[in-house]
Amino acid sequence: MTEAIVWILVSFFIVLPAVILAGKLAWWAFRMVFWLCIIGISIAGAAWRGEMKV
């Protein structure tokens, strides 16, 4: 029984930081994609408006 508790604690301390790290990486990647989309849309919109004026 004690071995099982030790294994659970060890796996918990290994898995928890990995999950937190993966979450941070996923959030960072999501923000990067989000900003790239906004920048791309604004550039495309500006180019489209420029074409419309001409």
Protein backbone atom coordinates (compact mmCIF):
# COMPACT_ATOMS: atom_id res chain seq x y z
CA MET A 1 0.00 0.00 0.00
CA THR A 2 2.77 2.43 0.90
CA GLU A 3 4.49 1.72 -2.44
CA ALA A 4 1.32 2.68 -4.27
CA ILE A 5 1.12 5.96 -2.35
CA VAL A 6 4.77 6.71 -3.12
CA TRP A 7 4.21 5.96 -6.84
CA ILE A 8 1.13 8.19 -6.89
CA LEU A 9 3.04 11.05 -5.26
CA VAL A 10 6.02 10.63 -7.58
CA SER A 11 3.84 10.47 -10.70
CA PHE A 12 1.84 13.47 -9.42
CA PHE A 13 4.99 15.56 -8.97
CA ILE A 14 6.21 14.53 -12.45
CA VAL A 15 2.88 14.93 -14.26
CA LEU A 16 1.76 18.21 -12.64
CA PRO A 17 4.73 20.34 -13.82
CA ALA A 18 4.49 18.71 -17.26
CA VAL A 19 0.80 19.59 -17.49
CA ILE A 20 1.43 23.17 -16.31
CA LEU A 21 4.27 23.55 -18.83
CA ALA A 22 2.13 22.12 -21.64
CA GLY A 23 -0.69 24.48 -20.68
CA LYS A 24 1.63 27.50 -20.77
CA LEU A 25 3.02 26.44 -24.15
CA ALA A 26 -0.49 25.90 -25.53
CA TRP A 27 -1.63 29.32 -24.24
CA TRP A 28 1.48 31.00 -25.70
CA ALA A 29 0.94 29.28 -29.07
CA PHE A 30 -2.76 30.26 -29.02
CA ARG A 31 -1.86 33.91 -28.35
CA MET A 32 0.74 33.90 -31.13
CA VAL A 33 -1.77 32.48 -33.66
CA PHE A 34 -4.44 34.91 -32.43
CA TRP A 35 -2.16 37.95 -32.92
CA LEU A 36 -0.93 36.67 -36.29
CA CYS A 37 -4.56 36.36 -37.43
CA ILE A 38 -5.37 39.90 -36.24
CA ILE A 39 -2.26 41.30 -37.96
CA GLY A 40 -3.03 39.37 -41.16
CA ILE A 41 -6.64 40.55 -41.20
CA SER A 42 -5.65 44.17 -40.58
CA ILE A 43 -3.01 44.05 -43.35
CA ALA A 44 -5.46 42.39 -45.75
CA GLY A 45 -8.14 44.94 -44.81
CA ALA A 46 -5.78 47.85 -45.36
CA ALA A 47 -4.68 46.44 -48.72
CA TRP A 48 -8.31 45.84 -49.72
CA ARG A 49 -9.31 49.39 -48.73
CA GLY A 50 -6.33 50.70 -50.68
CA GLU A 51 -7.54 48.81 -53.75
CA MET A 52 -11.08 50.03 -53.24
CA LYS A 53 -9.97 53.69 -53.14
CA VAL A 54 -8.20 53.30 -56.50
